[in-house]
């Protein structure tokens, strides 16, 4: 199973890049991208329950 994640990355056509220790900037960029995607999703979709929202995201 350790290779499953790497296999998925390759299947999706993504490039794996490792972060250096004590260099959190890369995480910040990714976290902001995900936050933006969630916010944009919420602007155009309504959900009656948290479960509906989770499933939609």
PDB file of N, CA and C in Angstrom:
ATOM      1  N   UNK A   1       0.784  -1.209   0.000  1.00  0.00           N
ATOM      2  CA  UNK A   1       0.000   0.000   0.000  1.00  0.00           C
ATOM      3  C   UNK A   1       0.828   1.277   0.000  1.00  0.00           C
ATOM      4  N   UNK A   2       2.097   1.244   0.367  1.00  0.00           N
ATOM      5  CA  UNK A   2       2.857   2.493   0.364  1.00  0.00           C
ATOM      6  C   UNK A   2       2.918   3.150  -1.006  1.00  0.00           C
ATOM      7  N   UNK A   3       2.862   2.372  -2.065  1.00  0.00           N
ATOM      8  CA  UNK A   3       2.938   2.943  -3.401  1.00  0.00           C
ATOM      9  C   UNK A   3       1.611   3.426  -3.944  1.00  0.00           C
ATOM     10  N   UNK A   4       0.508   3.165  -3.234  1.00  0.00           N
ATOM     11  CA  UNK A   4      -0.811   3.553  -3.724  1.00  0.00           C
ATOM     12  C   UNK A   4      -0.910   5.055  -3.963  1.00  0.00           C
ATOM     13  N   UNK A   5      -0.411   5.849  -3.044  1.00  0.00           N
ATOM     14  CA  UNK A   5      -0.475   7.301  -3.176  1.00  0.00           C
ATOM     15  C   UNK A   5       0.335   7.752  -4.390  1.00  0.00           C
ATOM     16  N   UNK A   6       1.539   7.207  -4.532  1.00  0.00           N
ATOM     17  CA  UNK A   6       2.378   7.566  -5.673  1.00  0.00           C
ATOM     18  C   UNK A   6       1.725   7.140  -6.985  1.00  0.00           C
ATOM     19  N   UNK A   7       1.079   5.974  -6.986  1.00  0.00           N
ATOM     20  CA  UNK A   7       0.368   5.502  -8.177  1.00  0.00           C
ATOM     21  C   UNK A   7      -0.774   6.455  -8.538  1.00  0.00           C
ATOM     22  N   UNK A   8      -1.496   6.927  -7.527  1.00  0.00           N
ATOM     23  CA  UNK A   8      -2.610   7.846  -7.763  1.00  0.00           C
ATOM     24  C   UNK A   8      -2.109   9.170  -8.334  1.00  0.00           C
ATOM     25  N   UNK A   9      -1.025   9.671  -7.801  1.00  0.00           N
ATOM     26  CA  UNK A   9      -0.427  10.908  -8.306  1.00  0.00           C
ATOM     27  C   UNK A   9      -0.066  10.739  -9.781  1.00  0.00           C
ATOM     28  N   UNK A  10       0.570   9.635 -10.114  1.00  0.00           N
ATOM     29  CA  UNK A  10       0.955   9.387 -11.507  1.00  0.00           C
ATOM     30  C   UNK A  10      -0.285   9.256 -12.394  1.00  0.00           C
ATOM     31  N   UNK A  11      -1.313   8.558 -11.901  1.00  0.00           N
ATOM     32  CA  UNK A  11      -2.543   8.370 -12.672  1.00  0.00           C
ATOM     33  C   UNK A  11      -3.208   9.709 -12.984  1.00  0.00           C
ATOM     34  N   UNK A  12      -3.188  10.623 -12.022  1.00  0.00           N
ATOM     35  CA  UNK A  12      -3.804  11.937 -12.203  1.00  0.00           C
ATOM     36  C   UNK A  12      -2.940  12.884 -13.025  1.00  0.00           C
ATOM     37  N   UNK A  13      -1.739  12.452 -13.353  1.00  0.00           N
ATOM     38  CA  UNK A  13      -0.854  13.296 -14.142  1.00  0.00           C
ATOM     39  C   UNK A  13      -0.212  14.411 -13.336  1.00  0.00           C
ATOM     40  N   UNK A  14      -0.137  14.222 -12.028  1.00  0.00           N
ATOM     41  CA  UNK A  14       0.451  15.234 -11.155  1.00  0.00           C
ATOM     42  C   UNK A  14       1.932  14.955 -10.953  1.00  0.00           C
ATOM     43  N   UNK A  15       2.652  15.991 -10.618  1.00  0.00           N
ATOM     44  CA  UNK A  15       4.075  15.845 -10.334  1.00  0.00           C
ATOM     45  C   UNK A  15       4.277  15.918  -8.825  1.00  0.00           C
ATOM     46  N   UNK A  16       4.937  14.929  -8.286  1.00  0.00           N
ATOM     47  CA  UNK A  16       5.214  14.890  -6.858  1.00  0.00           C
ATOM     48  C   UNK A  16       6.412  15.785  -6.567  1.00  0.00           C
ATOM     49  N   UNK A  17       6.258  16.674  -5.595  1.00  0.00           N
ATOM     50  CA  UNK A  17       7.386  17.505  -5.204  1.00  0.00           C
ATOM     51  C   UNK A  17       7.447  17.537  -3.688  1.00  0.00           C
ATOM     52  N   UNK A  18       8.612  17.297  -3.175  1.00  0.00           N
ATOM     53  CA  UNK A  18       8.800  17.229  -1.731  1.00  0.00           C
ATOM     54  C   UNK A  18       9.110  18.614  -1.177  1.00  0.00           C
ATOM     55  N   UNK A  19       8.602  18.883   0.013  1.00  0.00           N
ATOM     56  CA  UNK A  19       8.872  20.152   0.695  1.00  0.00           C
ATOM     57  C   UNK A  19      10.110  20.001   1.557  1.00  0.00           C
ATOM     58  N   UNK A  20      10.835  21.065   1.673  1.00  0.00           N
ATOM     59  CA  UNK A  20      11.984  21.060   2.571  1.00  0.00           C
ATOM     60  C   UNK A  20      11.511  21.281   3.999  1.00  0.00           C
ATOM     61  N   UNK A  21      12.239  20.758   4.924  1.00  0.00           N
ATOM     62  CA  UNK A  21      11.938  20.948   6.342  1.00  0.00           C
ATOM     63  C   UNK A  21      12.007  22.437   6.664  1.00  0.00           C
ATOM     64  N   UNK A  22      11.064  22.905   7.449  1.00  0.00           N
ATOM     65  CA  UNK A  22      10.965  24.295   7.887  1.00  0.00           C
ATOM     66  C   UNK A  22      10.719  25.263   6.735  1.00  0.00           C
ATOM     67  N   UNK A  23      10.052  24.785   5.678  1.00  0.00           N
ATOM     68  CA  UNK A  23       9.688  25.628   4.545  1.00  0.00           C
ATOM     69  C   UNK A  23       8.182  25.480   4.311  1.00  0.00           C
ATOM     70  N   UNK A  24       7.351  26.070   5.167  1.00  0.00           N
ATOM     71  CA  UNK A  24       5.907  25.845   5.091  1.00  0.00           C
ATOM     72  C   UNK A  24       5.203  26.597   3.965  1.00  0.00           C
ATOM     73  N   UNK A  25       5.935  27.398   3.200  1.00  0.00           N
ATOM     74  CA  UNK A  25       5.290  28.204   2.168  1.00  0.00           C
ATOM     75  C   UNK A  25       4.519  27.350   1.166  1.00  0.00           C
ATOM     76  N   UNK A  26       5.082  26.199   0.817  1.00  0.00           N
ATOM     77  CA  UNK A  26       4.416  25.317  -0.136  1.00  0.00           C
ATOM     78  C   UNK A  26       3.075  24.848   0.382  1.00  0.00           C
ATOM     79  N   UNK A  27       2.993  24.524   1.659  1.00  0.00           N
ATOM     80  CA  UNK A  27       1.724  24.120   2.249  1.00  0.00           C
ATOM     81  C   UNK A  27       0.734  25.268   2.232  1.00  0.00           C
ATOM     82  N   UNK A  28       1.205  26.467   2.486  1.00  0.00           N
ATOM     83  CA  UNK A  28       0.328  27.629   2.518  1.00  0.00           C
ATOM     84  C   UNK A  28      -0.325  27.883   1.165  1.00  0.00           C
ATOM     85  N   UNK A  29       0.436  27.722   0.098  1.00  0.00           N
ATOM     86  CA  UNK A  29      -0.102  27.919  -1.250  1.00  0.00           C
ATOM     87  C   UNK A  29      -1.191  26.878  -1.522  1.00  0.00           C
ATOM     88  N   UNK A  30      -0.909  25.637  -1.176  1.00  0.00           N
ATOM     89  CA  UNK A  30      -1.881  24.565  -1.395  1.00  0.00           C
ATOM     90  C   UNK A  30      -3.123  24.770  -0.546  1.00  0.00           C
ATOM     91  N   UNK A  31      -2.941  25.116   0.715  1.00  0.00           N
ATOM     92  CA  UNK A  31      -4.090  25.327   1.603  1.00  0.00           C
ATOM     93  C   UNK A  31      -4.956  26.491   1.114  1.00  0.00           C
ATOM     94  N   UNK A  32      -4.345  27.544   0.612  1.00  0.00           N
ATOM     95  CA  UNK A  32      -5.112  28.670   0.099  1.00  0.00           C
ATOM     96  C   UNK A  32      -5.892  28.269  -1.154  1.00  0.00           C
ATOM     97  N   UNK A  33      -5.285  27.472  -2.013  1.00  0.00           N
ATOM     98  CA  UNK A  33      -5.965  26.991  -3.215  1.00  0.00           C
ATOM     99  C   UNK A  33      -7.202  26.186  -2.829  1.00  0.00           C
ATOM    100  N   UNK A  34      -7.045  25.267  -1.873  1.00  0.00           N
ATOM    101  CA  UNK A  34      -8.174  24.433  -1.437  1.00  0.00           C
ATOM    102  C   UNK A  34      -9.246  25.302  -0.798  1.00  0.00           C
ATOM    103  N   UNK A  35      -8.851  26.277   0.006  1.00  0.00           N
ATOM    104  CA  UNK A  35      -9.824  27.177   0.640  1.00  0.00           C
ATOM    105  C   UNK A  35     -10.626  27.939  -0.417  1.00  0.00           C
ATOM    106  N   UNK A  36      -9.928  28.421  -1.441  1.00  0.00           N
ATOM    107  CA  UNK A  36     -10.608  29.149  -2.510  1.00  0.00           C
ATOM    108  C   UNK A  36     -11.617  28.257  -3.221  1.00  0.00           C
ATOM    109  N   UNK A  37     -11.228  27.016  -3.493  1.00  0.00           N
ATOM    110  CA  UNK A  37     -12.138  26.082  -4.151  1.00  0.00           C
ATOM    111  C   UNK A  37     -13.386  25.849  -3.299  1.00  0.00           C
ATOM    112  N   UNK A  38     -13.204  25.673  -2.002  1.00  0.00           N
ATOM    113  CA  UNK A  38     -14.346  25.467  -1.101  1.00  0.00           C
ATOM    114  C   UNK A  38     -15.248  26.696  -1.076  1.00  0.00           C
ATOM    115  N   UNK A  39     -14.653  27.870  -0.970  1.00  0.00           N
ATOM    116  CA  UNK A  39     -15.453  29.094  -0.931  1.00  0.00           C
ATOM    117  C   UNK A  39     -16.246  29.273  -2.220  1.00  0.00           C
ATOM    118  N   UNK A  40     -15.616  29.050  -3.357  1.00  0.00           N
ATOM    119  CA  UNK A  40     -16.313  29.176  -4.636  1.00  0.00           C
ATOM    120  C   UNK A  40     -17.436  28.162  -4.761  1.00  0.00           C
ATOM    121  N   UNK A  41     -17.237  26.976  -4.240  1.00  0.00           N
ATOM    122  CA  UNK A  41     -18.278  25.948  -4.259  1.00  0.00           C
ATOM    123  C   UNK A  41     -19.484  26.404  -3.432  1.00  0.00           C
ATOM    124  N   UNK A  42     -19.224  26.970  -2.267  1.00  0.00           N
ATOM    125  CA  UNK A  42     -20.307  27.383  -1.380  1.00  0.00           C
ATOM    126  C   UNK A  42     -21.122  28.531  -1.959  1.00  0.00           C
ATOM    127  N   UNK A  43     -20.509  29.355  -2.793  1.00  0.00           N
ATOM    128  CA  UNK A  43     -21.231  30.482  -3.384  1.00  0.00           C
ATOM    129  C   UNK A  43     -22.292  30.025  -4.369  1.00  0.00           C
ATOM    130  N   UNK A  44     -22.106  28.878  -5.011  1.00  0.00           N
ATOM    131  CA  UNK A  44     -23.038  28.447  -6.057  1.00  0.00           C
ATOM    132  C   UNK A  44     -23.871  27.229  -5.677  1.00  0.00           C
ATOM    133  N   UNK A  45     -23.625  26.633  -4.517  1.00  0.00           N
ATOM    134  CA  UNK A  45     -24.373  25.459  -4.082  1.00  0.00           C
ATOM    135  C   UNK A  45     -24.966  25.696  -2.694  1.00  0.00           C
ATOM    136  N   UNK A  46     -26.139  25.164  -2.492  1.00  0.00           N
ATOM    137  CA  UNK A  46     -26.730  25.184  -1.159  1.00  0.00           C
ATOM    138  C   UNK A  46     -26.852  23.750  -0.672  1.00  0.00           C
ATOM    139  N   UNK A  47     -26.740  23.576   0.619  1.00  0.00           N
ATOM    140  CA  UNK A  47     -26.833  22.249   1.221  1.00  0.00           C
ATOM    141  C   UNK A  47     -27.720  22.332   2.438  1.00  0.00           C
ATOM    142  N   UNK A  48     -28.512  21.280   2.639  1.00  0.00           N
ATOM    143  CA  UNK A  48     -29.395  21.240   3.803  1.00  0.00           C
ATOM    144  C   UNK A  48     -28.704  20.681   5.035  1.00  0.00           C
ATOM    145  N   UNK A  49     -27.703  19.849   4.817  1.00  0.00           N
ATOM    146  CA  UNK A  49     -26.980  19.254   5.942  1.00  0.00           C
ATOM    147  C   UNK A  49     -25.486  19.331   5.704  1.00  0.00           C
ATOM    148  N   UNK A  50     -24.736  19.162   6.762  1.00  0.00           N
ATOM    149  CA  UNK A  50     -23.277  19.150   6.655  1.00  0.00           C
ATOM    150  C   UNK A  50     -22.844  17.955   5.809  1.00  0.00           C
ATOM    151  N   UNK A  51     -23.554  16.851   5.937  1.00  0.00           N
ATOM    152  CA  UNK A  51     -23.232  15.666   5.144  1.00  0.00           C
ATOM    153  C   UNK A  51     -23.411  15.937   3.647  1.00  0.00           C
ATOM    154  N   UNK A  52     -24.471  16.628   3.260  1.00  0.00           N
ATOM    155  CA  UNK A  52     -24.666  17.003   1.856  1.00  0.00           C
ATOM    156  C   UNK A  52     -23.515  17.886   1.365  1.00  0.00           C
ATOM    157  N   UNK A  53     -23.115  18.826   2.215  1.00  0.00           N
ATOM    158  CA  UNK A  53     -22.021  19.719   1.868  1.00  0.00           C
ATOM    159  C   UNK A  53     -20.709  18.940   1.708  1.00  0.00           C
ATOM    160  N   UNK A  54     -20.442  18.072   2.657  1.00  0.00           N
ATOM    161  CA  UNK A  54     -19.223  17.257   2.606  1.00  0.00           C
ATOM    162  C   UNK A  54     -19.203  16.415   1.335  1.00  0.00           C
ATOM    163  N   UNK A  55     -20.332  15.809   1.012  1.00  0.00           N
ATOM    164  CA  UNK A  55     -20.410  14.965  -0.168  1.00  0.00           C
ATOM    165  C   UNK A  55     -20.206  15.803  -1.444  1.00  0.00           C
ATOM    166  N   UNK A  56     -20.749  16.985  -1.471  1.00  0.00           N
ATOM    167  CA  UNK A  56     -20.603  17.863  -2.631  1.00  0.00           C
ATOM    168  C   UNK A  56     -19.175  18.305  -2.841  1.00  0.00           C
ATOM    169  N   UNK A  57     -18.488  18.592  -1.730  1.00  0.00           N
ATOM    170  CA  UNK A  57     -17.097  19.015  -1.851  1.00  0.00           C
ATOM    171  C   UNK A  57     -16.235  17.857  -2.276  1.00  0.00           C
TER     172      UNK A  57
END
